Amino acid sequence: MLLAGITFSVIQVIKANPDAPNPGHSAGEIECSTDFCVDTGGHSVGIGSTSPGAKLQINPAESTEGLRIVTASNYSPLNIRNNANSADIFRIDQAGDIKVIKGIGYTWPSVQGGANTVLTNSGAGLLSWSVMTGLPSGTTGQTLRHNGTTWVANSILTNDGTNLTSSGTVTLSGTNANIILGSNFLSGDGGDEGISVNAAGNVFIGGGTGKLTAGTIDPVYNIGGVQYSTYMSGMTGVKEETTDTVQLANGEYVIDFNNLEQSSDLWMFYRITDFGNNWSKLTVLLSAEGPGGAWYQKDPENNRLIIYSQTADSVSYRLSAPRFDWQKWLNLSEDGAVDGFAIDEIVNDQYSQGTSTENQTPDSSDEESSILSELAQKVKEALASLGLFIENGIANIQEIVTEKLTARKARLEKIEMVDQNTGEIYCTWIQDGEWIKEKGECDNSVISETSSDSSGSIIPEQTPEEEPLTEEILPENQ
């Protein structure tokens, strides 16, 4: 069929309508076939497609070429240009080289590359074949590390497929970096995630509010090049303690918890403890300087603790009370799988429940001695409550009033006597071997430098008419 000088070998490209009055053919009478289709409305051509989706769509049959371009000159058989037709976007030359990709030109090698070679770019579009550099050789478990130039095997960090091991320092950058051990944390920020150690070696657990479970804590001291161990003592319950020495005035010292110096030991102790109702949980231990004793009185209504002593000017105290959060830390551990010390036998039982009959039978003399000691202690405590202190056989009392005092030997510094006629009080003592007499109580008198001081008078030697001074005053320590 010849149409306008073009010969078609395709059948059914033009459909004629024999019933039309004019045997001519209009554009609408041109229809598509499955072999070749010209979509005049969409200005598209389809080969093997009746509905081309592009200007040219080729749907080849199986085992047939869709498009073949045969070059016969130095021109590129395929060239795709930009919309201005001013630059190549994609071009294949007559040798089959892809000369332009996305507007970038390339020069290809003229021969095939060898085995294990890869195509490398010079950075200016010059392509060449290069030998592929494989992974470095190494030993089992080694990991890779880049040294800035290439990859090298690394033994600092090894991986056996189960465990990751480091023989050097592992650094986790960032203040919030954490290592998770199961469900536990090693924290980089010291927060409540777990435990952290700063550059100074200080350890923080739970941001400073966590718990440390350990069997023995041993601060070591280096003294003269020798290391000495010291051990922290344990305590039932979480408690706080404070100690100090106070000076009594008129036999007492008042600790007023309402009026404490900020940041002082007592100030801290009071604010971080729980004394309990009526201060029942506050423990007070006192030690008086010198012979005698000391006692205390709790005054929770006025928030005071009063220390008393009739003999001592200086008293040391030790206060102990549960910490404010003691109810969170009870005796029954809540640490789960922590084993702790295994106590299968009570060591103290051996002192009262020995295995032999001899050990189980108490010594009657020891029992009697213990009873007497307890009784003596009770008596001493009762006398101390009355102001009489006994230590090492010496009775210490500030003042005594009695009708008659008998003693084998008396050692006196001064004697205070009452004038039988006037009732006036005189103090007498011996100075430089001579008797001195002075009007007034002995506490207000001053011993003269000489026996003839104007403030006192010398008592003449005893005559037969005068009554001798009795020696029945106070016993001297034997």
Protein backbone atom coordinates (compact mmCIF):
# COMPACT_ATOMS: atom_id res chain seq x y z
CA MET A 1 0.00 0.00 0.00
CA LEU A 2 1.34 3.39 -1.02
CA LEU A 3 0.33 6.51 0.87
CA ALA A 4 1.85 9.87 -0.02
CA GLY A 5 4.93 8.19 -1.32
CA ILE A 6 5.33 5.92 1.77
CA THR A 7 4.89 2.19 1.38
CA PHE A 8 3.40 0.31 4.40
CA SER A 9 3.81 -3.43 4.75
CA VAL A 10 1.59 -3.58 7.80
CA ILE A 11 -1.88 -4.89 7.45
CA GLN A 12 -4.96 -3.12 8.89
CA VAL A 13 -3.28 0.17 9.51
CA ILE A 14 -6.03 2.07 7.62
CA LYS A 15 -9.65 1.00 7.89
CA ALA A 16 -11.94 2.03 4.95
CA ASN A 17 -15.65 2.55 5.30
CA PRO A 18 -17.27 1.17 2.11
CA ASP A 19 -20.64 2.68 3.02
CA ALA A 20 -19.28 6.19 3.07
CA PRO A 21 -20.47 8.30 0.13
CA ASN A 22 -16.92 9.38 -0.49
CA PRO A 23 -14.43 6.50 -0.58
CA GLY A 24 -11.78 8.79 0.95
CA HIS A 25 -10.44 8.20 4.45
CA SER A 26 -10.36 10.61 7.39
CA ALA A 27 -7.78 10.76 10.26
CA GLY A 28 -10.33 9.27 12.62
CA GLU A 29 -10.57 6.25 10.43
CA ILE A 30 -6.89 5.40 11.11
CA GLU A 31 -6.84 2.84 13.94
CA CYS A 32 -4.10 1.08 15.95
CA SER A 33 -3.09 -2.52 15.57
CA THR A 34 -0.97 -4.68 17.89
CA ASP A 35 1.96 -4.43 15.51
CA PHE A 36 2.16 -0.71 14.91
CA CYS A 37 0.16 2.13 16.31
CA VAL A 38 0.23 5.83 15.65
CA ASP A 39 -1.65 7.80 18.28
CA THR A 40 -2.37 11.01 16.46
CA GLY A 41 -4.06 12.51 19.50
CA GLY A 42 -1.17 11.87 21.87
CA HIS A 43 1.48 12.20 19.20
CA SER A 44 2.89 8.81 20.24
CA VAL A 45 4.07 5.75 18.40
CA GLY A 46 3.70 2.25 19.76
CA ILE A 47 5.43 -0.85 18.43
CA GLY A 48 3.88 -3.93 19.96
CA SER A 49 1.64 -1.64 21.99
CA THR A 50 -1.74 -0.15 21.14
CA SER A 51 -1.54 2.45 23.91
CA PRO A 52 1.98 3.92 23.96
CA GLY A 53 2.80 5.73 27.18
CA ALA A 54 5.74 7.64 25.68
CA LYS A 55 6.59 9.25 22.40
CA LEU A 56 7.97 5.86 21.40
CA GLN A 57 7.14 2.66 23.25
CA ILE A 58 8.49 -0.67 22.06
CA ASN A 59 7.13 -3.91 23.49
CA PRO A 60 9.17 -6.61 21.77
CA ALA A 61 8.02 -10.16 21.65
CA GLU A 62 9.94 -12.74 23.61
CA SER A 63 13.45 -13.57 22.39
CA THR A 64 13.52 -10.56 20.09
CA GLU A 65 15.48 -7.34 20.27
CA GLY A 66 13.49 -4.28 21.16
CA LEU A 67 15.81 -1.73 19.53
CA ARG A 68 18.94 -2.05 17.44
CA ILE A 69 21.04 0.90 16.35
CA VAL A 70 23.75 0.15 13.78
CA THR A 71 26.52 2.71 13.59
CA ALA A 72 28.24 3.44 10.37
CA SER A 73 30.13 6.60 11.20
CA ASN A 74 31.91 8.42 14.01
CA TYR A 75 28.68 9.76 15.40
CA SER A 76 27.26 8.57 18.71
CA PRO A 77 24.42 6.14 18.03
CA LEU A 78 22.59 7.28 21.22
CA ASN A 79 22.53 10.75 22.65
CA ILE A 80 20.13 12.31 25.12
CA ARG A 81 20.36 16.06 25.48
CA ASN A 82 18.88 18.71 27.77
CA ASN A 83 15.70 20.54 26.94
CA ALA A 84 17.62 23.39 25.35
CA ASN A 85 19.47 20.93 23.12
CA SER A 86 22.69 22.57 24.26
CA ALA A 87 24.41 19.83 26.32
CA ASP A 88 24.57 16.06 26.46
CA ILE A 89 22.97 14.37 29.47
CA PHE A 90 23.60 10.78 28.51
CA ARG A 91 25.66 9.66 25.49
CA ILE A 92 27.06 6.42 24.17
CA ASP A 93 29.70 6.67 21.44
CA GLN A 94 30.20 4.38 18.49
CA ALA A 95 32.65 2.23 20.52
CA GLY A 96 30.00 1.52 23.11
CA ASP A 97 31.58 3.67 25.79
CA ILE A 98 29.30 5.68 28.05
CA LYS A 99 30.89 9.02 27.47
CA VAL A 100 28.47 11.18 29.43
CA ILE A 101 26.44 10.34 32.57
CA LYS A 102 24.37 13.12 34.14
CA GLY A 103 26.34 15.64 32.10
CA ILE A 104 29.74 14.41 33.40
CA GLY A 105 32.22 13.09 30.86
CA TYR A 106 34.22 9.88 31.32
CA THR A 107 37.13 8.22 29.51
CA TRP A 108 37.10 4.45 29.65
CA PRO A 109 40.01 2.00 29.51
CA SER A 110 40.55 0.41 26.12
CA VAL A 111 41.01 -3.18 27.38
CA GLN A 112 39.33 -5.53 29.80
CA GLY A 113 40.58 -5.53 33.39
CA GLY A 114 42.27 -8.49 35.01
CA ALA A 115 40.88 -10.78 37.70
CA ASN A 116 40.01 -9.11 41.04
CA THR A 117 40.36 -5.66 39.51
CA VAL A 118 37.91 -2.82 39.96
CA LEU A 119 37.21 0.30 37.97
CA THR A 120 38.58 3.37 39.72
CA ASN A 121 38.16 7.06 38.96
CA SER A 122 41.04 9.51 38.93
CA GLY A 123 38.70 12.24 40.13
CA ALA A 124 38.72 13.88 36.69
CA GLY A 125 36.64 11.24 34.89
CA LEU A 126 39.61 9.07 33.79
CA LEU A 127 38.65 5.45 34.52
CA SER A 128 41.18 2.66 34.90
CA TRP A 129 41.44 -0.85 36.20
CA SER A 130 43.02 -1.32 39.66
CA VAL A 131 43.77 -4.35 41.78
CA MET A 132 41.18 -4.66 44.56
CA THR A 133 42.74 -4.34 47.99
CA GLY A 134 41.16 -6.97 50.24
CA LEU A 135 40.87 -7.08 54.04
CA PRO A 136 44.15 -7.26 55.96
CA SER A 137 45.29 -10.60 57.27
CA GLY A 138 44.91 -11.22 61.01
CA THR A 139 44.33 -13.76 63.76
CA THR A 140 41.18 -15.15 65.32
CA GLY A 141 39.10 -12.58 67.12
CA GLN A 142 40.91 -9.49 65.82
CA THR A 143 38.84 -6.49 64.79
CA LEU A 144 39.44 -3.87 62.09
CA ARG A 145 40.81 -0.40 62.75
CA HIS A 146 41.47 2.38 60.24
CA ASN A 147 44.78 4.14 60.77
CA GLY A 148 43.91 7.09 58.55
CA THR A 149 45.22 5.45 55.39
CA THR A 150 43.98 1.89 55.33
CA TRP A 151 42.38 -0.80 57.44
CA VAL A 152 44.59 -2.82 59.79
CA ALA A 153 43.95 -5.76 62.09
CA ASN A 154 43.53 -4.78 65.73
CA SER A 155 44.22 -6.85 68.86
CA ILE A 156 43.26 -4.15 71.39
CA LEU A 157 39.60 -4.99 70.87
CA THR A 158 38.84 -8.65 70.12
CA ASN A 159 35.59 -10.48 69.45
CA ASP A 160 35.37 -14.27 69.72
CA GLY A 161 31.75 -14.31 68.63
CA THR A 162 30.45 -14.34 72.21
CA ASN A 163 32.58 -11.96 74.23
CA LEU A 164 34.06 -8.56 73.41
CA THR A 165 37.42 -8.07 75.13
CA SER A 166 39.62 -5.00 75.38
CA SER A 167 43.24 -4.94 76.50
CA GLY A 168 43.33 -1.14 76.51
CA THR A 169 41.21 1.79 77.61
CA VAL A 170 37.63 1.89 76.35
CA THR A 171 36.35 5.47 76.05
CA LEU A 172 32.67 6.29 75.72
CA SER A 173 32.36 9.89 74.61
CA GLY A 174 29.59 12.11 75.85
CA THR A 175 28.57 12.90 79.40
CA ASN A 176 25.46 10.73 79.14
CA ALA A 177 27.23 7.63 77.80
CA ASN A 178 26.30 4.42 79.64
CA ILE A 179 27.39 0.81 79.65
CA ILE A 180 24.47 -1.54 80.24
CA LEU A 181 25.35 -4.76 82.06
CA GLY A 182 22.23 -6.85 81.80
CA SER A 183 19.72 -4.54 83.45
CA ASN A 184 22.39 -2.63 85.38
CA PHE A 185 24.30 0.47 84.37
CA LEU A 186 27.76 1.94 84.47
CA SER A 187 26.87 5.59 84.08
CA GLY A 188 28.89 8.35 82.51
CA ASP A 189 27.00 11.17 84.17
CA GLY A 190 26.73 9.96 87.77
CA GLY A 191 22.94 9.97 87.59
CA ASP A 192 20.57 7.45 89.06
CA GLU A 193 21.29 5.01 86.24
CA GLY A 194 24.09 3.30 88.16
CA ILE A 195 27.71 3.83 89.18
CA SER A 196 30.28 6.31 87.85
CA VAL A 197 33.91 7.16 88.62
CA ASN A 198 35.30 10.61 87.87
CA ALA A 199 38.86 11.53 86.90
CA ALA A 200 39.83 12.02 90.56
CA GLY A 201 38.79 8.44 91.41
CA ASN A 202 35.65 9.43 93.29
CA VAL A 203 32.85 6.88 93.00
CA PHE A 204 29.20 7.92 92.71
CA ILE A 205 26.38 5.40 93.09
CA GLY A 206 22.89 6.37 92.03
CA GLY A 207 23.82 10.05 92.01
CA GLY A 208 25.01 9.82 95.62
CA THR A 209 21.86 8.18 97.05
CA GLY A 210 22.57 4.56 96.09
CA LYS A 211 23.62 1.62 98.23
CA LEU A 212 27.01 -0.13 98.34
CA THR A 213 26.90 -3.80 99.31
CA ALA A 214 30.35 -5.09 100.30
CA GLY A 215 31.81 -7.47 102.84
CA THR A 216 34.81 -5.48 104.01
CA ILE A 217 35.85 -1.88 103.42
CA ASP A 218 39.53 -1.29 104.09
CA PRO A 219 41.07 2.20 103.94
CA VAL A 220 44.83 1.59 103.70
CA TYR A 221 47.36 4.02 105.20
CA ASN A 222 50.99 4.24 104.10
CA ILE A 223 53.07 5.09 107.16
CA GLY A 224 56.80 5.17 106.65
CA GLY A 225 56.53 3.05 103.50
CA VAL A 226 54.48 0.35 105.22
CA GLN A 227 50.83 -0.20 104.30
CA TYR A 228 48.44 -0.57 107.22
CA SER A 229 44.83 -1.73 106.95
CA THR A 230 41.98 -0.11 108.79
CA TYR A 231 38.46 -1.44 108.64
CA MET A 232 35.12 0.29 108.78
CA SER A 233 32.90 -1.09 111.51
CA GLY A 234 29.45 -2.41 110.70
CA MET A 235 26.23 -1.34 112.38
CA THR A 236 22.72 -2.72 112.58
CA GLY A 237 20.47 -0.23 110.89
CA VAL A 238 21.46 2.98 109.16
CA LYS A 239 22.60 5.40 111.87
CA GLU A 240 24.52 8.63 112.18
CA GLU A 241 26.91 9.53 115.00
CA THR A 242 28.71 12.60 116.26
CA THR A 243 31.20 13.17 119.08
CA ASP A 244 32.67 16.16 120.89
CA THR A 245 33.96 17.43 124.23
CA VAL A 246 32.19 20.21 126.12
CA GLN A 247 33.15 22.40 129.07
CA LEU A 248 30.57 22.53 131.87
CA ALA A 249 29.63 25.68 133.72
CA ASN A 250 28.14 25.32 137.21
CA GLY A 251 27.96 21.58 136.71
CA GLU A 252 25.97 21.53 133.44
CA TYR A 253 26.12 22.04 129.70
CA VAL A 254 23.07 22.59 127.49
CA ILE A 255 22.91 21.47 123.84
CA ASP A 256 20.13 23.56 122.33
CA PHE A 257 19.19 22.04 118.96
CA ASN A 258 17.22 25.18 118.13
CA ASN A 259 20.36 27.30 118.31
CA LEU A 260 23.21 25.55 116.52
CA GLU A 261 25.92 26.98 114.32
CA GLN A 262 25.14 26.22 110.70
CA SER A 263 27.34 23.51 109.13
CA SER A 264 28.62 22.43 112.55
CA ASP A 265 28.72 18.72 113.46
CA LEU A 266 25.70 18.97 115.75
CA TRP A 267 23.79 21.03 113.18
CA MET A 268 24.37 18.33 110.55
CA PHE A 269 23.60 15.51 112.98
CA TYR A 270 20.26 17.01 114.03
CA ARG A 271 19.08 17.59 110.46
CA ILE A 272 19.88 14.15 109.04
CA THR A 273 18.62 11.95 111.89
CA ASP A 274 15.33 10.74 113.35
CA PHE A 275 15.29 10.94 117.18
CA GLY A 276 11.90 9.20 117.35
CA ASN A 277 8.96 9.98 119.56
CA ASN A 278 10.09 11.47 122.86
CA TRP A 279 13.63 11.05 121.54
CA SER A 280 13.48 7.33 122.24
CA LYS A 281 15.90 6.52 119.41
CA LEU A 282 18.58 9.01 120.48
CA THR A 283 21.47 7.25 122.26
CA VAL A 284 23.78 9.31 124.49
CA LEU A 285 27.13 8.08 125.83
CA LEU A 286 29.07 10.31 128.27
CA SER A 287 32.58 10.17 129.70
CA ALA A 288 33.65 12.62 132.37
CA GLU A 289 37.24 13.79 132.73
CA GLY A 290 38.76 12.70 136.03
CA PRO A 291 37.07 10.83 138.88
CA GLY A 292 33.35 11.05 139.27
CA GLY A 293 30.76 10.76 136.59
CA ALA A 294 28.30 12.52 134.33
CA TRP A 295 24.66 12.09 133.37
CA TYR A 296 22.21 13.67 130.97
CA GLN A 297 18.60 14.72 130.65
CA LYS A 298 16.58 14.68 127.43
CA ASP A 299 14.26 17.68 127.06
CA PRO A 300 12.40 17.05 123.77
CA GLU A 301 9.72 19.64 124.57
CA ASN A 302 12.34 22.39 124.48
CA ASN A 303 14.60 20.57 121.98
CA ARG A 304 17.49 20.42 124.42
CA LEU A 305 19.94 17.85 125.75
CA ILE A 306 21.44 18.74 129.15
CA ILE A 307 24.71 17.21 130.42
CA TYR A 308 25.43 17.24 134.17
CA SER A 309 28.46 16.50 136.35
CA GLN A 310 29.20 17.49 139.93
CA THR A 311 32.92 16.85 139.67
CA ALA A 312 34.07 17.17 136.08
CA ASP A 313 34.56 20.37 134.16
CA SER A 314 35.02 18.55 130.85
CA VAL A 315 32.74 15.81 129.48
CA SER A 316 32.98 13.92 126.18
CA TYR A 317 29.80 12.77 124.49
CA ARG A 318 28.85 10.38 121.68
CA LEU A 319 25.40 10.80 120.13
CA SER A 320 23.84 8.19 117.88
CA ALA A 321 20.46 8.13 116.10
CA PRO A 322 18.86 6.49 113.04
CA ARG A 323 19.25 8.34 109.76
CA PHE A 324 16.16 10.17 108.50
CA ASP A 325 15.44 7.40 105.94
CA TRP A 326 16.27 4.44 108.19
CA GLN A 327 12.97 2.70 107.43
CA LYS A 328 14.12 2.12 103.84
CA TRP A 329 17.13 0.11 105.03
CA LEU A 330 15.85 -2.66 107.27
CA ASN A 331 17.75 -5.72 108.50
CA LEU A 332 16.22 -8.04 105.88
CA SER A 333 18.22 -7.53 102.67
CA GLU A 334 16.39 -6.78 99.43
CA ASP A 335 19.42 -7.23 97.19
CA GLY A 336 18.07 -10.37 95.56
CA ALA A 337 20.74 -12.77 94.33
CA VAL A 338 23.55 -11.32 96.49
CA ASP A 339 24.95 -14.15 98.63
CA GLY A 340 26.81 -12.21 101.31
CA PHE A 341 28.58 -13.87 104.22
CA ALA A 342 27.34 -17.36 105.05
CA ILE A 343 26.88 -17.62 108.83
CA ASP A 344 26.23 -21.28 109.59
CA GLU A 345 27.27 -21.12 113.24
CA ILE A 346 26.96 -18.39 115.82
CA VAL A 347 30.47 -17.76 117.13
CA ASN A 348 29.26 -16.32 120.44
CA ASP A 349 27.43 -19.55 121.28
CA GLN A 350 30.76 -21.25 121.99
CA TYR A 351 31.21 -19.10 125.09
CA SER A 352 27.96 -20.27 126.69
CA GLN A 353 27.07 -23.54 124.94
CA GLY A 354 30.27 -25.57 124.69
CA THR A 355 30.15 -29.21 123.65
CA SER A 356 31.81 -30.59 126.81
CA THR A 357 30.20 -30.94 130.22
CA GLU A 358 32.92 -28.79 131.74
CA ASN A 359 32.13 -25.90 129.45
CA GLN A 360 28.40 -26.23 130.05
CA THR A 361 28.75 -26.11 133.85
CA PRO A 362 29.21 -22.54 135.04
CA ASP A 363 31.89 -21.81 137.63
CA SER A 364 30.08 -20.89 140.87
CA SER A 365 32.85 -18.49 141.90
CA ASP A 366 32.65 -16.68 138.59
CA GLU A 367 28.87 -16.50 138.89
CA GLU A 368 29.09 -15.06 142.42
CA SER A 369 31.73 -12.57 141.32
CA SER A 370 29.52 -11.48 138.45
CA ILE A 371 26.55 -10.99 140.78
CA LEU A 372 28.64 -8.96 143.23
CA SER A 373 30.02 -6.82 140.42
CA GLU A 374 26.54 -6.12 139.12
CA LEU A 375 25.35 -5.28 142.65
CA ALA A 376 28.29 -2.95 143.24
CA GLN A 377 27.62 -1.22 139.96
CA LYS A 378 23.96 -0.73 140.87
CA VAL A 379 24.96 0.76 144.22
CA LYS A 380 27.44 3.12 142.54
CA GLU A 381 24.80 4.25 140.07
CA ALA A 382 22.30 4.85 142.87
CA LEU A 383 24.86 6.87 144.88
CA ALA A 384 25.82 8.83 141.75
CA SER A 385 22.22 9.87 141.31
CA LEU A 386 22.50 11.40 144.80
CA GLY A 387 25.75 13.18 143.96
CA LEU A 388 28.16 10.67 145.59
CA PHE A 389 30.73 9.18 143.20
CA ILE A 390 33.00 6.29 144.13
CA GLU A 391 35.99 5.36 141.97
CA ASN A 392 38.90 3.12 143.02
CA GLY A 393 37.81 3.19 146.64
CA ILE A 394 37.67 7.00 146.80
CA ALA A 395 34.39 8.69 147.67
CA ASN A 396 34.01 12.06 145.99
CA ILE A 397 31.30 14.32 147.35
CA GLN A 398 30.98 18.07 147.17
CA GLU A 399 29.44 18.71 150.58
CA ILE A 400 28.46 16.58 153.57
CA VAL A 401 26.41 17.47 156.67
CA THR A 402 26.58 15.15 159.68
CA GLU A 403 26.34 15.19 163.47
CA LYS A 404 29.61 13.31 163.96
CA LEU A 405 32.42 12.19 161.68
CA THR A 406 34.98 9.66 162.89
CA ALA A 407 38.17 8.81 161.00
CA ARG A 408 41.54 7.24 161.78
CA LYS A 409 43.42 9.72 159.65
CA ALA A 410 42.40 12.97 158.00
CA ARG A 411 44.19 15.09 155.43
CA LEU A 412 42.91 18.66 155.32
CA GLU A 413 43.97 21.83 153.60
CA LYS A 414 41.73 24.18 155.61
CA ILE A 415 39.34 23.91 158.53
CA GLU A 416 36.24 26.06 158.78
CA MET A 417 35.05 26.64 162.38
CA VAL A 418 32.19 28.57 164.06
CA ASP A 419 32.74 30.90 167.02
CA GLN A 420 30.62 29.48 169.85
CA ASN A 421 29.81 32.92 171.29
CA THR A 422 29.31 35.08 168.23
CA GLY A 423 28.45 32.46 165.60
CA GLU A 424 30.98 33.96 163.24
CA ILE A 425 32.86 31.68 160.86
CA TYR A 426 36.65 31.44 160.86
CA CYS A 427 38.96 29.62 158.47
CA THR A 428 42.21 28.18 159.79
CA TRP A 429 45.12 26.39 158.15
CA ILE A 430 48.84 25.76 158.58
CA GLN A 431 51.32 27.87 156.68
CA ASP A 432 55.10 27.64 157.05
CA GLY A 433 54.54 25.41 160.09
CA GLU A 434 52.39 28.00 161.87
CA TRP A 435 48.61 28.08 162.44
CA ILE A 436 46.83 30.85 160.53
CA LYS A 437 43.33 32.05 161.40
CA GLU A 438 41.15 34.27 159.24
CA LYS A 439 37.59 35.45 159.61
CA GLY A 440 35.20 34.24 156.96
CA GLU A 441 34.53 31.06 155.00
CA CYS A 442 37.51 29.20 153.65
CA ASP A 443 36.30 29.51 150.04
CA ASN A 444 36.70 33.30 150.35
CA SER A 445 40.04 33.29 152.17
CA VAL A 446 43.47 33.48 150.58
CA ILE A 447 46.52 31.74 152.02
CA SER A 448 49.03 34.41 153.11
CA GLU A 449 52.55 34.47 151.75
CA THR A 450 53.89 34.81 155.34
CA SER A 451 52.61 33.64 158.68
CA SER A 452 52.36 37.23 159.95
CA ASP A 453 50.17 38.61 157.11
CA SER A 454 47.88 41.40 158.27
CA SER A 455 44.80 39.55 157.02
CA GLY A 456 45.36 36.68 159.40
CA SER A 457 46.79 35.97 162.80
CA ILE A 458 49.22 33.37 164.04
CA ILE A 459 47.76 30.84 166.43
CA PRO A 460 50.12 30.15 169.32
CA GLU A 461 51.30 26.68 170.05
CA GLN A 462 48.84 24.44 171.80
CA THR A 463 48.76 24.64 175.62
CA PRO A 464 47.44 21.96 178.00
CA GLU A 465 44.36 24.09 178.64
CA GLU A 466 43.29 23.98 174.91
CA GLU A 467 41.39 21.07 173.44
CA PRO A 468 43.39 19.28 170.71
CA LEU A 469 41.92 19.17 167.18
CA THR A 470 40.28 15.88 166.45
CA GLU A 471 41.56 13.77 163.55
CA GLU A 472 38.15 12.27 162.93
CA ILE A 473 37.34 14.15 159.73
CA LEU A 474 37.62 12.36 156.34
CA PRO A 475 39.39 9.13 155.50
CA GLU A 476 42.51 9.30 153.36
CA ASN A 477 42.99 6.85 150.52
CA GLN A 478 44.79 3.85 151.96
